[in-house]
Each structure stands twice: as C-alpha cells, then as structure tokens.
Amino acid sequence: MEDYVILVLGIVFIGAAIPITAISTSYLSKQSKLKLEVLKQEIELEKVRKEGYIIETEKLRLEIEQTRQQLALDHPAQLQIETKF
C-alpha cells in the first residue's frame, strides 16, 4: 500500500514538474529575445549617434574653413594659420 502511495506521489510530482519547467523555459526564452531586441536597438542608436557626430564634425570643419577664407580676404597681409588634418 505504501509503495502505491509513493508511486502516485511520484507521478503527481512529475506531472506537476513538466508544466513548471515549460513555463520557466518559455519565460527565459522571452527574456532572451527581449535582451536581444534591446541590444539591436542600442546598436542602431550608436550608429545614429556616430552619424550625427560625423555630420556635426564636417559642419564645424566647413565653418572653420569658411572663416579662414573670410579672414584671408579681409586681411591678406597677415599670416594664415595652418592646421594639419
């Protein structure tokens, strides 16, 4: 009789463990997918930031060049400052 009780309890335990395992596996899978999506968005954001930085740098370079040209026209006798890029 005790053997049957232990057998029944074992079957119940295994029957309960399977759905719990499936739920936890599903949860971990969803978490991994969300983390992957967050990483993809962070990479895209960094690309946009880099592109903005490059555009801003180019804009500033052009402004400096225009200022140099304007100074050269306004004061042709003065020495021009040379920078190395």
N, C-alpha and C. Protein backbone atom coordinates (compact mmCIF):
# COMPACT_ATOMS: atom_id res chain seq x y z
N MET A 1 0.82 -1.19 0.00
CA MET A 1 0.00 0.00 0.00
C MET A 1 0.87 1.26 0.00
N GLU A 2 1.91 1.26 0.84
CA GLU A 2 2.80 2.41 0.90
C GLU A 2 3.54 2.61 -0.42
N ASP A 3 3.82 1.52 -1.10
CA ASP A 3 4.50 1.60 -2.39
C ASP A 3 3.63 2.32 -3.42
N TYR A 4 2.33 2.07 -3.36
CA TYR A 4 1.41 2.73 -4.28
C TYR A 4 1.30 4.22 -4.00
N VAL A 5 1.31 4.57 -2.73
CA VAL A 5 1.24 5.99 -2.36
C VAL A 5 2.48 6.72 -2.88
N ILE A 6 3.63 6.12 -2.68
CA ILE A 6 4.87 6.73 -3.15
C ILE A 6 4.87 6.82 -4.68
N LEU A 7 4.38 5.77 -5.35
CA LEU A 7 4.30 5.77 -6.80
C LEU A 7 3.36 6.86 -7.30
N VAL A 8 2.20 6.99 -6.67
CA VAL A 8 1.23 8.01 -7.06
C VAL A 8 1.80 9.41 -6.82
N LEU A 9 2.42 9.62 -5.67
CA LEU A 9 3.03 10.92 -5.38
C LEU A 9 4.15 11.24 -6.38
N GLY A 10 4.92 10.24 -6.77
CA GLY A 10 5.97 10.45 -7.77
C GLY A 10 5.39 10.85 -9.11
N ILE A 11 4.31 10.19 -9.52
CA ILE A 11 3.66 10.52 -10.78
C ILE A 11 3.07 11.92 -10.73
N VAL A 12 2.45 12.30 -9.61
CA VAL A 12 1.89 13.64 -9.45
C VAL A 12 3.01 14.68 -9.50
N PHE A 13 4.10 14.39 -8.82
CA PHE A 13 5.24 15.31 -8.82
C PHE A 13 5.79 15.51 -10.23
N ILE A 14 5.98 14.43 -10.96
CA ILE A 14 6.48 14.53 -12.34
C ILE A 14 5.47 15.27 -13.21
N GLY A 15 4.19 14.98 -13.01
CA GLY A 15 3.15 15.66 -13.78
C GLY A 15 3.11 17.16 -13.51
N ALA A 16 3.43 17.56 -12.30
CA ALA A 16 3.46 18.98 -11.96
C ALA A 16 4.76 19.64 -12.41
N ALA A 17 5.83 18.89 -12.43
CA ALA A 17 7.13 19.45 -12.79
C ALA A 17 7.22 19.79 -14.28
N ILE A 18 6.54 19.04 -15.11
CA ILE A 18 6.62 19.28 -16.56
C ILE A 18 6.07 20.65 -16.94
N PRO A 19 4.86 21.03 -16.50
CA PRO A 19 4.36 22.37 -16.86
C PRO A 19 5.19 23.50 -16.24
N ILE A 20 5.67 23.29 -15.03
CA ILE A 20 6.50 24.31 -14.39
C ILE A 20 7.79 24.52 -15.19
N THR A 21 8.37 23.43 -15.64
CA THR A 21 9.58 23.52 -16.47
C THR A 21 9.28 24.23 -17.78
N ALA A 22 8.14 23.92 -18.39
CA ALA A 22 7.77 24.57 -19.65
C ALA A 22 7.55 26.06 -19.45
N ILE A 23 6.90 26.43 -18.37
CA ILE A 23 6.65 27.86 -18.09
C ILE A 23 7.97 28.60 -17.87
N SER A 24 8.86 28.02 -17.08
CA SER A 24 10.14 28.70 -16.82
C SER A 24 10.99 28.77 -18.08
N THR A 25 10.97 27.74 -18.90
CA THR A 25 11.72 27.76 -20.16
C THR A 25 11.17 28.82 -21.10
N SER A 26 9.86 28.91 -21.18
CA SER A 26 9.23 29.92 -22.02
C SER A 26 9.58 31.32 -21.53
N TYR A 27 9.57 31.52 -20.23
CA TYR A 27 9.92 32.82 -19.65
C TYR A 27 11.36 33.20 -19.99
N LEU A 28 12.28 32.26 -19.82
CA LEU A 28 13.68 32.54 -20.11
C LEU A 28 13.90 32.82 -21.61
N SER A 29 13.16 32.12 -22.44
CA SER A 29 13.26 32.36 -23.88
C SER A 29 12.77 33.76 -24.23
N LYS A 30 11.67 34.18 -23.66
CA LYS A 30 11.15 35.53 -23.91
C LYS A 30 12.12 36.59 -23.40
N GLN A 31 12.71 36.35 -22.25
CA GLN A 31 13.68 37.30 -21.70
C GLN A 31 14.89 37.43 -22.64
N SER A 32 15.35 36.31 -23.16
CA SER A 32 16.50 36.34 -24.08
C SER A 32 16.15 37.11 -25.35
N LYS A 33 14.95 36.91 -25.86
CA LYS A 33 14.53 37.63 -27.06
C LYS A 33 14.44 39.14 -26.79
N LEU A 34 13.93 39.50 -25.62
CA LEU A 34 13.85 40.92 -25.26
C LEU A 34 15.23 41.53 -25.13
N LYS A 35 16.15 40.83 -24.52
CA LYS A 35 17.53 41.33 -24.38
C LYS A 35 18.17 41.51 -25.75
N LEU A 36 17.93 40.57 -26.64
CA LEU A 36 18.47 40.66 -28.00
C LEU A 36 17.90 41.89 -28.71
N GLU A 37 16.61 42.13 -28.55
CA GLU A 37 15.98 43.30 -29.18
C GLU A 37 16.55 44.59 -28.61
N VAL A 38 16.78 44.64 -27.31
CA VAL A 38 17.36 45.82 -26.68
C VAL A 38 18.77 46.06 -27.23
N LEU A 39 19.55 45.02 -27.37
CA LEU A 39 20.90 45.16 -27.91
C LEU A 39 20.87 45.67 -29.35
N LYS A 40 19.93 45.16 -30.15
CA LYS A 40 19.81 45.63 -31.53
C LYS A 40 19.47 47.12 -31.56
N GLN A 41 18.57 47.54 -30.68
CA GLN A 41 18.20 48.95 -30.63
C GLN A 41 19.36 49.82 -30.16
N GLU A 42 20.14 49.33 -29.20
CA GLU A 42 21.31 50.08 -28.74
C GLU A 42 22.35 50.21 -29.84
N ILE A 43 22.54 49.17 -30.62
CA ILE A 43 23.48 49.24 -31.75
C ILE A 43 23.00 50.26 -32.77
N GLU A 44 21.71 50.25 -33.08
CA GLU A 44 21.15 51.21 -34.03
C GLU A 44 21.30 52.64 -33.50
N LEU A 45 21.07 52.82 -32.21
CA LEU A 45 21.23 54.15 -31.61
C LEU A 45 22.67 54.62 -31.71
N GLU A 46 23.62 53.74 -31.46
CA GLU A 46 25.03 54.11 -31.57
C GLU A 46 25.39 54.47 -33.01
N LYS A 47 24.80 53.77 -33.98
CA LYS A 47 25.05 54.11 -35.38
C LYS A 47 24.54 55.52 -35.68
N VAL A 48 23.35 55.83 -35.18
CA VAL A 48 22.77 57.16 -35.41
C VAL A 48 23.62 58.24 -34.73
N ARG A 49 24.07 57.95 -33.51
CA ARG A 49 24.93 58.91 -32.80
C ARG A 49 26.22 59.15 -33.56
N LYS A 50 26.82 58.08 -34.05
CA LYS A 50 28.08 58.21 -34.80
C LYS A 50 27.85 59.03 -36.06
N GLU A 51 26.76 58.76 -36.76
CA GLU A 51 26.44 59.51 -37.98
C GLU A 51 26.24 60.99 -37.66
N GLY A 52 25.54 61.27 -36.56
CA GLY A 52 25.34 62.66 -36.15
C GLY A 52 26.66 63.34 -35.79
N TYR A 53 27.53 62.60 -35.14
CA TYR A 53 28.84 63.14 -34.77
C TYR A 53 29.65 63.47 -36.03
N ILE A 54 29.61 62.57 -37.00
CA ILE A 54 30.35 62.80 -38.24
C ILE A 54 29.80 64.03 -38.97
N ILE A 55 28.49 64.14 -39.03
CA ILE A 55 27.87 65.28 -39.70
C ILE A 55 28.23 66.58 -38.99
N GLU A 56 28.15 66.58 -37.67
CA GLU A 56 28.48 67.79 -36.90
C GLU A 56 29.94 68.17 -37.06
N THR A 57 30.82 67.17 -37.07
CA THR A 57 32.25 67.43 -37.26
C THR A 57 32.51 68.04 -38.64
N GLU A 58 31.88 67.50 -39.65
CA GLU A 58 32.05 68.03 -41.00
C GLU A 58 31.50 69.46 -41.09
N LYS A 59 30.39 69.71 -40.44
CA LYS A 59 29.80 71.05 -40.43
C LYS A 59 30.77 72.05 -39.78
N LEU A 60 31.34 71.67 -38.66
CA LEU A 60 32.29 72.56 -37.98
C LEU A 60 33.54 72.77 -38.82
N ARG A 61 34.02 71.72 -39.50
CA ARG A 61 35.19 71.85 -40.36
C ARG A 61 34.91 72.85 -41.48
N LEU A 62 33.73 72.76 -42.08
CA LEU A 62 33.37 73.69 -43.15
C LEU A 62 33.26 75.13 -42.63
N GLU A 63 32.70 75.29 -41.43
CA GLU A 63 32.60 76.63 -40.85
C GLU A 63 33.98 77.22 -40.59
N ILE A 64 34.89 76.40 -40.09
CA ILE A 64 36.27 76.87 -39.84
C ILE A 64 36.93 77.26 -41.16
N GLU A 65 36.75 76.44 -42.17
CA GLU A 65 37.34 76.74 -43.48
C GLU A 65 36.77 78.04 -44.06
N GLN A 66 35.46 78.24 -43.91
CA GLN A 66 34.85 79.47 -44.40
C GLN A 66 35.38 80.68 -43.63
N THR A 67 35.55 80.52 -42.33
CA THR A 67 36.08 81.62 -41.51
C THR A 67 37.51 81.94 -41.94
N ARG A 68 38.31 80.93 -42.19
CA ARG A 68 39.69 81.15 -42.66
C ARG A 68 39.70 81.89 -43.99
N GLN A 69 38.84 81.48 -44.89
CA GLN A 69 38.79 82.14 -46.19
C GLN A 69 38.35 83.59 -46.05
N GLN A 70 37.38 83.82 -45.17
CA GLN A 70 36.90 85.19 -44.95
C GLN A 70 38.01 86.04 -44.33
N LEU A 71 38.74 85.49 -43.38
CA LEU A 71 39.85 86.21 -42.77
C LEU A 71 40.95 86.49 -43.79
N ALA A 72 41.19 85.54 -44.67
CA ALA A 72 42.21 85.73 -45.70
C ALA A 72 41.81 86.86 -46.65
N LEU A 73 40.53 86.98 -46.93
CA LEU A 73 40.05 88.06 -47.80
C LEU A 73 40.09 89.41 -47.09
N ASP A 74 39.74 89.39 -45.78
CA ASP A 74 39.71 90.64 -45.01
C ASP A 74 41.11 91.15 -44.70
N HIS A 75 42.03 90.26 -44.42
CA HIS A 75 43.39 90.65 -44.02
C HIS A 75 44.40 89.86 -44.84
N PRO A 76 44.62 90.20 -46.07
CA PRO A 76 45.53 89.41 -46.91
C PRO A 76 46.99 89.51 -46.49
N ALA A 77 47.39 90.53 -45.75
CA ALA A 77 48.79 90.68 -45.39
C ALA A 77 49.17 89.81 -44.18
N GLN A 78 48.20 89.39 -43.40
CA GLN A 78 48.50 88.60 -42.22
C GLN A 78 48.78 87.15 -42.60
N LEU A 79 49.56 86.49 -41.74
CA LEU A 79 49.86 85.09 -41.97
C LEU A 79 48.63 84.24 -41.67
N GLN A 80 48.44 83.23 -42.45
CA GLN A 80 47.32 82.32 -42.21
C GLN A 80 47.79 81.18 -41.31
N ILE A 81 46.90 80.78 -40.45
CA ILE A 81 47.21 79.68 -39.56
C ILE A 81 46.96 78.38 -40.31
N GLU A 82 47.95 77.53 -40.32
CA GLU A 82 47.80 76.24 -40.99
C GLU A 82 47.58 75.16 -39.96
N THR A 83 46.63 74.30 -40.23
CA THR A 83 46.39 73.15 -39.36
C THR A 83 46.55 71.89 -40.16
N LYS A 84 46.94 70.87 -39.50
CA LYS A 84 47.12 69.58 -40.16
C LYS A 84 45.94 68.69 -39.80
N PHE A 85 45.35 68.12 -40.80
CA PHE A 85 44.22 67.21 -40.58
C PHE A 85 44.67 65.80 -40.75
